[in-house]
Amino acid sequence: QVQLRESGGGLVQVGGSLRLSCAASGIIFSRNAEHWYRQAPGKQRELVAAISSNGRINYANSVQGRFTISRENGRNTVYLQMNNLKPEDTAVYYCSADNQGSTYWGQGTQVTVSL
């Protein structure tokens, strides 16, 4: 059974930083692609960052230069380092992983950026 568990969300002021973690069981992250998505109230879920099995990384334009996705194979964990946070970054952040034609999701972690 595949499980993804996000952590690290919280309340932060504008310009602050947070690091989200996504720990997995039942799946080996290094063999798959992982993604961070976010969904703000009233908006569609959007892709924030992605890392492929061979380490290729992509970011949404809105977070380029501020967010960094990384993977720690020994811990089977993917991270999203978020710097210089803005109010528009407020959302529930979800980790997902692709494996053998299926996509698995975590439960999400709330990030709130206050003025």
C-alpha atoms as a PDB file:
ATOM      1  CA  GLN A   1       0.000   0.000   0.000  1.00  0.00           C
ATOM      2  CA  VAL A   2       1.428   3.323  -1.085  1.00  0.00           C
ATOM      3  CA  GLN A   3       1.246   6.185   1.382  1.00  0.00           C
ATOM      4  CA  LEU A   4       2.557   9.716   1.067  1.00  0.00           C
ATOM      5  CA  ARG A   5       2.674  11.960   4.090  1.00  0.00           C
ATOM      6  CA  GLU A   6       3.362  15.691   3.872  1.00  0.00           C
ATOM      7  CA  SER A   7       4.571  17.831   6.724  1.00  0.00           C
ATOM      8  CA  GLY A   8       6.104  21.221   7.308  1.00  0.00           C
ATOM      9  CA  GLY A   9       3.261  23.538   6.483  1.00  0.00           C
ATOM     10  CA  GLY A  10       2.238  26.402   8.702  1.00  0.00           C
ATOM     11  CA  LEU A  11       1.791  30.136   9.051  1.00  0.00           C
ATOM     12  CA  VAL A  12       4.614  32.398   7.907  1.00  0.00           C
ATOM     13  CA  GLN A  13       4.989  36.081   7.207  1.00  0.00           C
ATOM     14  CA  VAL A  14       5.648  37.531   3.790  1.00  0.00           C
ATOM     15  CA  GLY A  15       9.256  36.996   2.838  1.00  0.00           C
ATOM     16  CA  GLY A  16       9.639  34.035   5.135  1.00  0.00           C
ATOM     17  CA  SER A  17      10.566  30.446   4.381  1.00  0.00           C
ATOM     18  CA  LEU A  18       9.167  26.978   4.922  1.00  0.00           C
ATOM     19  CA  ARG A  19      10.345  23.539   3.982  1.00  0.00           C
ATOM     20  CA  LEU A  20       7.765  20.926   3.147  1.00  0.00           C
ATOM     21  CA  SER A  21       8.549  17.232   3.376  1.00  0.00           C
ATOM     22  CA  CYS A  22       6.858  14.282   1.733  1.00  0.00           C
ATOM     23  CA  ALA A  23       7.748  10.885   3.142  1.00  0.00           C
ATOM     24  CA  ALA A  24       6.709   7.758   1.286  1.00  0.00           C
ATOM     25  CA  SER A  25       6.046   4.144   2.093  1.00  0.00           C
ATOM     26  CA  GLY A  26       5.215   1.389  -0.349  1.00  0.00           C
ATOM     27  CA  ILE A  27       6.978   3.176  -3.200  1.00  0.00           C
ATOM     28  CA  ILE A  28      10.578   4.041  -3.984  1.00  0.00           C
ATOM     29  CA  PHE A  29      10.819   7.700  -4.854  1.00  0.00           C
ATOM     30  CA  SER A  30      14.090   7.478  -6.746  1.00  0.00           C
ATOM     31  CA  ARG A  31      12.471   5.180  -9.320  1.00  0.00           C
ATOM     32  CA  ASN A  32       9.593   7.510 -10.056  1.00  0.00           C
ATOM     33  CA  ALA A  33       8.600  11.103 -10.675  1.00  0.00           C
ATOM     34  CA  GLU A  34       7.363  13.203  -7.791  1.00  0.00           C
ATOM     35  CA  HIS A  35       5.464  16.435  -7.826  1.00  0.00           C
ATOM     36  CA  TRP A  36       4.347  19.205  -5.559  1.00  0.00           C
ATOM     37  CA  TYR A  37       0.964  20.711  -6.320  1.00  0.00           C
ATOM     38  CA  ARG A  38      -1.001  23.380  -4.538  1.00  0.00           C
ATOM     39  CA  GLN A  39      -4.621  24.415  -4.395  1.00  0.00           C
ATOM     40  CA  ALA A  40      -5.817  27.763  -3.149  1.00  0.00           C
ATOM     41  CA  PRO A  41      -9.453  28.336  -2.120  1.00  0.00           C
ATOM     42  CA  GLY A  42     -11.678  28.646  -5.164  1.00  0.00           C
ATOM     43  CA  LYS A  43      -8.875  27.769  -7.568  1.00  0.00           C
ATOM     44  CA  GLN A  44      -7.795  24.694  -9.456  1.00  0.00           C
ATOM     45  CA  ARG A  45      -4.941  22.557  -8.271  1.00  0.00           C
ATOM     46  CA  GLU A  46      -1.741  23.647  -9.971  1.00  0.00           C
ATOM     47  CA  LEU A  47       1.654  22.045 -10.448  1.00  0.00           C
ATOM     48  CA  VAL A  48       4.367  23.804  -8.480  1.00  0.00           C
ATOM     49  CA  ALA A  49       7.448  21.641  -8.992  1.00  0.00           C
ATOM     50  CA  ALA A  50       8.404  18.248 -10.327  1.00  0.00           C
ATOM     51  CA  ILE A  51      11.410  15.973 -10.186  1.00  0.00           C
ATOM     52  CA  SER A  52      11.807  13.003 -12.503  1.00  0.00           C
ATOM     53  CA  SER A  53      13.428   9.666 -11.736  1.00  0.00           C
ATOM     54  CA  ASN A  54      16.639  10.856 -13.411  1.00  0.00           C
ATOM     55  CA  GLY A  55      16.621  14.115 -11.465  1.00  0.00           C
ATOM     56  CA  ARG A  56      15.260  16.498 -14.081  1.00  0.00           C
ATOM     57  CA  ILE A  57      13.459  19.360 -12.363  1.00  0.00           C
ATOM     58  CA  ASN A  58      10.763  21.755 -13.490  1.00  0.00           C
ATOM     59  CA  TYR A  59       9.049  24.638 -11.760  1.00  0.00           C
ATOM     60  CA  ALA A  60       5.991  26.732 -12.322  1.00  0.00           C
ATOM     61  CA  ASN A  61       6.905  30.216 -13.498  1.00  0.00           C
ATOM     62  CA  SER A  62       5.319  31.691 -10.393  1.00  0.00           C
ATOM     63  CA  VAL A  63       7.795  29.957  -8.067  1.00  0.00           C
ATOM     64  CA  GLN A  64      10.911  29.823 -10.232  1.00  0.00           C
ATOM     65  CA  GLY A  65      13.865  31.163  -8.284  1.00  0.00           C
ATOM     66  CA  ARG A  66      12.062  30.970  -4.939  1.00  0.00           C
ATOM     67  CA  PHE A  67      11.194  27.282  -4.515  1.00  0.00           C
ATOM     68  CA  THR A  68      13.500  24.289  -4.698  1.00  0.00           C
ATOM     69  CA  ILE A  69      12.436  20.685  -5.016  1.00  0.00           C
ATOM     70  CA  SER A  70      14.833  17.971  -3.913  1.00  0.00           C
ATOM     71  CA  ARG A  71      14.850  14.307  -3.117  1.00  0.00           C
ATOM     72  CA  GLU A  72      16.709  12.386  -0.442  1.00  0.00           C
ATOM     73  CA  ASN A  73      16.805   8.792  -1.586  1.00  0.00           C
ATOM     74  CA  GLY A  74      18.076   7.367   1.691  1.00  0.00           C
ATOM     75  CA  ARG A  75      15.039   8.763   3.496  1.00  0.00           C
ATOM     76  CA  ASN A  76      12.662   8.169   0.576  1.00  0.00           C
ATOM     77  CA  THR A  77      11.580  11.752   1.019  1.00  0.00           C
ATOM     78  CA  VAL A  78      10.972  14.679  -1.287  1.00  0.00           C
ATOM     79  CA  TYR A  79      11.272  18.259  -0.104  1.00  0.00           C
ATOM     80  CA  LEU A  80      10.031  21.621  -1.233  1.00  0.00           C
ATOM     81  CA  GLN A  81      12.080  24.501   0.085  1.00  0.00           C
ATOM     82  CA  MET A  82      10.048  27.683  -0.215  1.00  0.00           C
ATOM     83  CA  ASN A  83      11.764  31.036   0.187  1.00  0.00           C
ATOM     84  CA  ASN A  84      10.584  34.614  -0.144  1.00  0.00           C
ATOM     85  CA  LEU A  85       7.008  33.517   0.343  1.00  0.00           C
ATOM     86  CA  LYS A  86       4.192  35.719  -0.910  1.00  0.00           C
ATOM     87  CA  PRO A  87       0.519  35.900   0.057  1.00  0.00           C
ATOM     88  CA  GLU A  88      -0.381  34.284  -3.266  1.00  0.00           C
ATOM     89  CA  ASP A  89       1.555  31.192  -2.184  1.00  0.00           C
ATOM     90  CA  THR A  90      -1.147  30.497   0.391  1.00  0.00           C
ATOM     91  CA  ALA A  91      -2.664  27.121  -0.423  1.00  0.00           C
ATOM     92  CA  VAL A  92      -2.856  23.494   0.529  1.00  0.00           C
ATOM     93  CA  TYR A  93       0.254  21.801  -0.815  1.00  0.00           C
ATOM     94  CA  TYR A  94       0.096  18.216  -2.001  1.00  0.00           C
ATOM     95  CA  CYS A  95       2.789  15.728  -2.809  1.00  0.00           C
ATOM     96  CA  SER A  96       2.181  13.192  -5.548  1.00  0.00           C
ATOM     97  CA  ALA A  97       4.116  10.338  -7.087  1.00  0.00           C
ATOM     98  CA  ASP A  98       3.693   8.378 -10.300  1.00  0.00           C
ATOM     99  CA  ASN A  99       4.249   4.650 -10.222  1.00  0.00           C
ATOM    100  CA  GLN A 100       3.376   2.008 -12.802  1.00  0.00           C
ATOM    101  CA  GLY A 101       0.613   4.022 -14.382  1.00  0.00           C
ATOM    102  CA  SER A 102      -0.942   5.194 -11.135  1.00  0.00           C
ATOM    103  CA  THR A 103      -0.669   8.505  -9.336  1.00  0.00           C
ATOM    104  CA  TYR A 104      -0.615   8.622  -5.560  1.00  0.00           C
ATOM    105  CA  TRP A 105      -1.387  11.649  -3.409  1.00  0.00           C
ATOM    106  CA  GLY A 106      -0.733  12.768   0.105  1.00  0.00           C
ATOM    107  CA  GLN A 107      -3.330  14.373   2.333  1.00  0.00           C
ATOM    108  CA  GLY A 108      -1.937  17.879   1.907  1.00  0.00           C
ATOM    109  CA  THR A 109      -0.423  20.438   4.221  1.00  0.00           C
ATOM    110  CA  GLN A 110      -1.645  24.004   4.650  1.00  0.00           C
ATOM    111  CA  VAL A 111       0.675  26.909   3.953  1.00  0.00           C
ATOM    112  CA  THR A 112      -0.544  30.357   4.910  1.00  0.00           C
ATOM    113  CA  VAL A 113       1.463  33.477   4.158  1.00  0.00           C
ATOM    114  CA  SER A 114       0.396  36.554   6.084  1.00  0.00           C
ATOM    115  CA  LEU A 115       1.128  40.210   5.502  1.00  0.00           C
END
